[in-house]
Amino acid sequence: MVTIFAWLAGTIALGIIALAVWLYEPDKPRAALEETYPGEYRIIDGVRLRLRDSGPRDGEAIIMLHGFGASLETWEKWAEALSARYRVIRFDLPGFGLTGPDPTGDYTDARSMQILATLMEQLDIDRASLIGNSLGGRIAWNFAAMFPERVNKLVLVSPDGFASPGFDYGVAPKVPLIMRALPYTAPRSMLKANLAAAYGNPAALSDADVTRYHDLMLAPGVRRAILERMGQVILREPGPILARIQAPTLLVWGELDGMIPISNAQDYLRLMPNATLARLPGLGHVPFEEDPVASLVPVEAFLSGAAR
């Protein structure tokens, strides 16, 4: 005779299977995504890197590095405006967007900096100004410390790099068990909620932006690559690294940033002798998407030299 416990266990198991089937989302076909989200492709250290290269080829170069889970499209409005004067290069970091997985499986900051250095060589760019947000900001300031001769100016938009709960120096973080399901599911509603949290005014998040993030998260192999990158993050104490940076630096921070609070800016200002801060009232973690016009004003002034 079947016991109540066996029946209950079977019912729960069936419920879990049904939920998994309901939430399951396969990767989207690459060809369709590449048609919707165009770009140029280059082989960089074995990675098929998607990028866009706009503006005058003889202009000063700017390279833009997006944040975790984003893509080169996140910079669209800023890139469009800056391309009138500068040569602007933006690309999908390995593991994100339509660059997709790195065949080496290496998603460390060192690997990202190697990709950036090789890309500059391929594009015949000796020096560039770097603009980086969050994860991209951390890569940018590490690159500026390691290759000071290659960086003109730094614009760091809510940069990552200091320890926080769950992210200690010198230790790989523990990836939450629930995240292990990421390669198999990516509910749009949950993604929208996470994106809204990055805005000072969540109502400013458009359906088109949610669709873009969702589409590119479903690019072949990206969700598994995101999971692998999460497990490879090992922060180093930033003080000695930041102190080596010679490039003039502008910190751009939304006062309502709920991801990396603006209070962190004081640590950068204390450790970086050539840094200044532009505060953005009412904006959050991705001001270049939330209000690209207002947020770009201090950046353009800084890049042109008017701010210093």
Protein backbone atom coordinates (compact mmCIF):
# COMPACT_ATOMS: atom_id res chain seq x y z
CA MET A 1 0.00 0.00 0.00
CA VAL A 2 1.29 3.46 -0.86
CA THR A 3 1.89 5.51 2.28
CA ILE A 4 0.93 9.17 2.61
CA PHE A 5 4.61 10.04 2.74
CA ALA A 6 5.35 8.26 -0.53
CA TRP A 7 2.33 9.92 -2.13
CA LEU A 8 3.39 13.32 -0.86
CA ALA A 9 6.97 12.85 -2.07
CA GLY A 10 5.72 11.79 -5.49
CA THR A 11 3.38 14.76 -5.68
CA ILE A 12 6.17 17.19 -4.75
CA ALA A 13 8.50 15.62 -7.30
CA LEU A 14 5.88 15.94 -10.03
CA GLY A 15 5.29 19.55 -9.00
CA ILE A 16 9.01 20.35 -9.24
CA ILE A 17 9.22 18.71 -12.66
CA ALA A 18 6.16 20.63 -13.87
CA LEU A 19 7.60 23.91 -12.55
CA ALA A 20 10.94 23.21 -14.23
CA VAL A 21 9.22 22.47 -17.54
CA TRP A 22 7.14 25.64 -17.22
CA LEU A 23 10.18 27.85 -16.48
CA TYR A 24 12.52 26.20 -18.99
CA GLU A 25 13.77 28.52 -21.72
CA PRO A 26 16.16 27.25 -24.41
CA ASP A 27 18.82 29.37 -26.06
CA LYS A 28 17.67 31.52 -28.96
CA PRO A 29 19.12 30.87 -32.44
CA ARG A 30 22.30 32.88 -32.97
CA ALA A 31 21.44 33.81 -36.57
CA ALA A 32 18.20 35.49 -35.53
CA LEU A 33 19.90 37.38 -32.69
CA GLU A 34 22.72 38.58 -34.95
CA GLU A 35 20.16 39.93 -37.38
CA THR A 36 18.33 41.82 -34.63
CA TYR A 37 21.46 43.04 -32.84
CA PRO A 38 24.06 43.76 -35.54
CA GLY A 39 27.76 44.31 -35.02
CA GLU A 40 31.20 43.69 -36.40
CA TYR A 41 33.08 40.54 -35.41
CA ARG A 42 36.80 40.04 -34.81
CA ILE A 43 38.76 37.08 -33.53
CA ILE A 44 40.61 38.32 -30.45
CA ASP A 45 42.80 35.76 -28.66
CA GLY A 46 40.53 32.98 -29.87
CA VAL A 47 37.29 34.80 -28.96
CA ARG A 48 34.78 35.87 -31.62
CA LEU A 49 34.25 39.36 -30.25
CA ARG A 50 31.23 41.44 -31.26
CA LEU A 51 31.93 45.17 -31.41
CA ARG A 52 30.91 48.47 -32.94
CA ASP A 53 33.45 51.03 -34.06
CA SER A 54 31.96 54.45 -34.85
CA GLY A 55 33.07 58.03 -35.29
CA PRO A 56 36.09 59.47 -37.14
CA ARG A 57 38.95 56.99 -37.42
CA ASP A 58 41.45 59.79 -36.82
CA GLY A 59 39.64 61.01 -33.70
CA GLU A 60 40.74 60.38 -30.13
CA ALA A 61 39.74 56.83 -29.17
CA ILE A 62 37.22 55.97 -26.46
CA ILE A 63 36.59 52.35 -25.44
CA MET A 64 33.44 51.54 -23.47
CA LEU A 65 33.17 48.54 -21.11
CA HIS A 66 29.70 47.45 -20.00
CA GLY A 67 28.58 46.00 -16.69
CA PHE A 68 27.56 42.51 -15.56
CA GLY A 69 24.82 40.97 -17.69
CA ALA A 70 24.80 43.85 -20.18
CA SER A 71 26.05 44.26 -23.75
CA LEU A 72 27.47 46.95 -26.01
CA GLU A 73 23.90 48.25 -26.61
CA THR A 74 23.82 49.63 -23.09
CA TRP A 75 26.04 52.52 -24.33
CA GLU A 76 23.94 53.30 -27.44
CA LYS A 77 22.91 56.88 -26.60
CA TRP A 78 26.28 57.92 -25.19
CA ALA A 79 28.13 56.32 -28.10
CA GLU A 80 25.91 58.05 -30.65
CA ALA A 81 26.61 61.46 -29.11
CA LEU A 82 30.33 60.94 -28.54
CA SER A 83 30.88 59.57 -32.06
CA ALA A 84 30.40 63.05 -33.48
CA ARG A 85 33.87 63.91 -32.16
CA TYR A 86 35.60 60.73 -30.99
CA ARG A 87 36.30 57.27 -32.33
CA VAL A 88 34.10 55.15 -30.07
CA ILE A 89 34.61 51.39 -29.66
CA ARG A 90 32.31 49.22 -27.58
CA PHE A 91 32.12 45.47 -27.41
CA ASP A 92 30.42 42.58 -25.66
CA LEU A 93 32.73 41.28 -22.96
CA PRO A 94 33.37 37.53 -23.28
CA GLY A 95 30.52 35.60 -21.72
CA PHE A 96 27.94 38.27 -22.52
CA GLY A 97 25.87 39.40 -25.48
CA LEU A 98 26.73 37.99 -28.87
CA THR A 99 30.40 37.57 -28.09
CA GLY A 100 29.21 34.62 -26.07
CA PRO A 101 31.35 32.08 -24.24
CA ASP A 102 35.14 32.29 -24.15
CA PRO A 103 36.49 28.96 -25.49
CA THR A 104 39.13 29.00 -22.74
CA GLY A 105 36.49 29.15 -20.01
CA ASP A 106 38.54 31.93 -18.38
CA TYR A 107 36.41 34.88 -17.21
CA THR A 108 38.87 36.51 -14.83
CA ASP A 109 39.66 40.22 -14.94
CA ALA A 110 43.14 39.34 -16.19
CA ARG A 111 41.63 37.60 -19.21
CA SER A 112 39.34 40.58 -19.90
CA MET A 113 42.32 42.94 -19.79
CA GLN A 114 44.23 40.69 -22.17
CA ILE A 115 41.28 40.81 -24.60
CA LEU A 116 41.17 44.61 -24.33
CA ALA A 117 44.91 44.98 -24.96
CA THR A 118 44.80 42.69 -27.99
CA LEU A 119 41.76 44.50 -29.40
CA MET A 120 43.60 47.82 -29.16
CA GLU A 121 46.54 46.30 -31.02
CA GLN A 122 44.30 44.95 -33.77
CA LEU A 123 42.59 48.32 -34.17
CA ASP A 124 45.95 50.18 -34.17
CA ILE A 125 45.00 52.18 -31.08
CA ASP A 126 48.04 53.10 -29.01
CA ARG A 127 46.14 55.07 -26.36
CA ALA A 128 42.47 55.44 -25.49
CA SER A 129 40.20 56.86 -22.85
CA LEU A 130 38.21 54.15 -21.07
CA ILE A 131 34.60 54.39 -19.92
CA GLY A 132 33.47 51.53 -17.71
CA ASN A 133 30.36 50.76 -15.68
CA SER A 134 30.27 48.44 -12.66
CA LEU A 135 32.17 45.29 -13.73
CA GLY A 136 33.45 47.22 -16.75
CA GLY A 137 34.64 49.96 -14.41
CA ARG A 138 36.65 47.47 -12.39
CA ILE A 139 38.26 46.13 -15.56
CA ALA A 140 38.97 49.70 -16.71
CA TRP A 141 40.74 50.87 -13.55
CA ASN A 142 42.78 47.67 -13.30
CA PHE A 143 43.81 48.10 -16.94
CA ALA A 144 44.80 51.74 -16.29
CA ALA A 145 47.01 50.64 -13.40
CA MET A 146 48.65 47.85 -15.38
CA PHE A 147 49.05 49.75 -18.68
CA PRO A 148 49.34 53.45 -17.77
CA GLU A 149 50.94 54.24 -21.12
CA ARG A 150 47.80 53.07 -22.94
CA VAL A 151 45.16 55.13 -21.10
CA ASN A 152 44.45 58.82 -21.59
CA LYS A 153 41.50 59.34 -19.25
CA LEU A 154 39.18 57.19 -17.15
CA VAL A 155 35.43 57.58 -16.71
CA LEU A 156 34.18 55.18 -14.05
CA VAL A 157 30.40 54.89 -13.76
CA SER A 158 29.54 53.29 -10.41
CA PRO A 159 32.63 51.06 -10.63
CA ASP A 160 32.91 47.73 -8.84
CA GLY A 161 35.99 46.59 -6.97
CA PHE A 162 35.62 46.96 -3.20
CA ALA A 163 34.59 44.12 -0.90
CA SER A 164 30.90 43.81 -0.06
CA PRO A 165 28.74 41.17 1.67
CA GLY A 166 29.50 37.85 -0.03
CA PHE A 167 32.55 39.23 -1.86
CA ASP A 168 35.71 39.23 0.23
CA TYR A 169 39.24 39.94 -0.96
CA GLY A 170 41.22 36.97 -2.20
CA VAL A 171 38.34 34.51 -1.99
CA ALA A 172 36.09 33.24 -4.78
CA PRO A 173 32.43 33.84 -3.86
CA LYS A 174 29.98 31.06 -3.18
CA VAL A 175 27.49 30.98 -6.04
CA PRO A 176 23.96 30.60 -4.60
CA LEU A 177 22.45 27.18 -5.26
CA ILE A 178 19.43 28.70 -6.96
CA MET A 179 21.73 30.29 -9.56
CA ARG A 180 22.63 26.79 -10.77
CA ALA A 181 19.31 26.83 -12.62
CA LEU A 182 20.35 29.87 -14.69
CA PRO A 183 21.49 27.89 -17.77
CA TYR A 184 17.99 26.47 -18.09
CA THR A 185 15.72 29.36 -17.24
CA ALA A 186 15.56 33.16 -17.39
CA PRO A 187 12.06 34.40 -16.55
CA ARG A 188 11.46 37.79 -18.14
CA SER A 189 9.51 38.98 -15.08
CA MET A 190 12.43 38.30 -12.74
CA LEU A 191 14.87 39.93 -15.13
CA LYS A 192 12.65 43.01 -15.36
CA ALA A 193 12.55 43.30 -11.57
CA ASN A 194 16.35 43.08 -11.37
CA LEU A 195 16.76 45.72 -14.08
CA ALA A 196 14.25 48.04 -12.44
CA ALA A 197 16.32 47.91 -9.25
CA ALA A 198 19.21 49.45 -11.20
CA TYR A 199 17.16 52.58 -11.93
CA GLY A 200 16.60 55.54 -9.67
CA ASN A 201 13.16 55.78 -11.28
CA PRO A 202 12.05 52.24 -12.21
CA ALA A 203 9.30 53.66 -14.44
CA ALA A 204 12.03 54.83 -16.82
CA LEU A 205 12.85 51.21 -17.72
CA SER A 206 11.35 50.55 -21.15
CA ASP A 207 9.90 47.28 -22.44
CA ALA A 208 12.34 47.50 -25.35
CA ASP A 209 15.28 47.50 -22.95
CA VAL A 210 13.88 44.53 -21.03
CA THR A 211 13.42 42.64 -24.31
CA ARG A 212 17.00 43.36 -25.34
CA TYR A 213 18.47 42.18 -22.04
CA HIS A 214 16.29 39.08 -22.13
CA ASP A 215 17.12 38.24 -25.76
CA LEU A 216 20.86 38.54 -25.22
CA MET A 217 20.78 36.53 -22.01
CA LEU A 218 19.28 33.74 -24.12
CA ALA A 219 22.13 33.89 -26.64
CA PRO A 220 23.82 30.49 -27.04
CA GLY A 221 25.96 29.61 -24.01
CA VAL A 222 25.65 32.99 -22.29
CA ARG A 223 23.77 31.89 -19.18
CA ARG A 224 26.28 29.15 -18.43
CA ALA A 225 29.15 31.60 -19.06
CA ILE A 226 27.58 34.08 -16.63
CA LEU A 227 27.47 31.37 -13.99
CA GLU A 228 31.12 30.49 -14.62
CA ARG A 229 32.17 34.15 -14.38
CA MET A 230 30.38 34.53 -11.06
CA GLY A 231 32.46 31.72 -9.61
CA GLN A 232 35.74 33.19 -10.86
CA VAL A 233 35.49 36.64 -9.31
CA ILE A 234 38.38 37.10 -6.89
CA LEU A 235 38.71 40.67 -5.68
CA ARG A 236 42.09 42.11 -4.75
CA GLU A 237 42.53 44.85 -2.16
CA PRO A 238 42.17 47.88 -4.46
CA GLY A 239 44.19 50.48 -2.55
CA PRO A 240 47.67 49.70 -3.95
CA ILE A 241 46.27 49.28 -7.48
CA LEU A 242 44.25 52.51 -7.50
CA ALA A 243 47.23 54.46 -6.17
CA ARG A 244 49.21 53.54 -9.30
CA ILE A 245 46.71 55.05 -11.71
CA GLN A 246 48.10 58.13 -13.42
CA ALA A 247 45.22 58.92 -15.77
CA PRO A 248 42.84 61.76 -14.85
CA THR A 249 39.66 60.09 -13.62
CA LEU A 250 36.02 61.11 -13.46
CA LEU A 251 33.72 59.13 -11.16
CA VAL A 252 30.11 59.30 -12.32
CA TRP A 253 27.57 58.13 -9.76
CA GLY A 254 23.80 58.12 -9.50
CA GLU A 255 22.78 59.32 -6.07
CA LEU A 256 20.04 56.64 -6.00
CA ASP A 257 22.31 53.76 -7.02
CA GLY A 258 21.00 50.74 -5.15
CA MET A 259 23.59 48.34 -6.59
CA ILE A 260 26.83 50.08 -5.61
CA PRO A 261 26.05 53.02 -3.32
CA ILE A 262 27.49 56.46 -4.00
CA SER A 263 29.17 56.36 -0.57
CA ASN A 264 31.76 54.08 -2.22
CA ALA A 265 32.94 57.07 -4.23
CA GLN A 266 34.74 58.40 -1.15
CA ASP A 267 37.03 55.35 -1.15
CA TYR A 268 38.05 56.04 -4.75
CA LEU A 269 38.56 59.76 -4.10
CA ARG A 270 40.72 58.94 -1.08
CA LEU A 271 42.93 56.50 -3.00
CA MET A 272 43.12 58.12 -6.45
CA PRO A 273 45.01 61.43 -6.49
CA ASN A 274 43.66 62.48 -9.92
CA ALA A 275 39.97 61.65 -9.41
CA THR A 276 36.90 63.89 -9.22
CA LEU A 277 33.24 63.03 -8.67
CA ALA A 278 30.14 63.95 -10.68
CA ARG A 279 26.98 63.23 -8.69
CA LEU A 280 23.78 62.52 -10.62
CA PRO A 281 20.66 63.38 -8.58
CA GLY A 282 17.70 61.07 -9.04
CA LEU A 283 19.56 58.46 -11.09
CA GLY A 284 20.64 54.89 -10.35
CA HIS A 285 23.26 52.38 -11.43
CA VAL A 286 22.95 52.78 -15.22
CA PRO A 287 22.49 56.55 -15.76
CA PHE A 288 23.54 56.27 -19.43
CA GLU A 289 20.36 54.25 -20.02
CA GLU A 290 18.07 55.97 -17.51
CA ASP A 291 18.86 59.56 -18.58
CA PRO A 292 21.54 59.53 -21.30
CA VAL A 293 21.35 63.27 -21.99
CA ALA A 294 21.80 64.62 -18.46
CA SER A 295 24.31 61.96 -17.42
CA LEU A 296 26.55 62.63 -20.42
CA VAL A 297 27.02 66.35 -19.65
CA PRO A 298 29.83 65.96 -17.07
CA VAL A 299 31.43 63.20 -19.14
CA GLU A 300 31.68 65.34 -22.27
CA ALA A 301 33.09 68.24 -20.25
CA PHE A 302 35.69 65.97 -18.68
CA LEU A 303 36.76 64.36 -21.95
CA SER A 304 37.08 67.71 -23.69
CA GLY A 305 39.21 69.08 -20.87
CA ALA A 306 36.67 71.67 -19.76
CA ALA A 307 36.08 69.96 -16.41
CA ARG A 308 39.69 69.98 -15.24
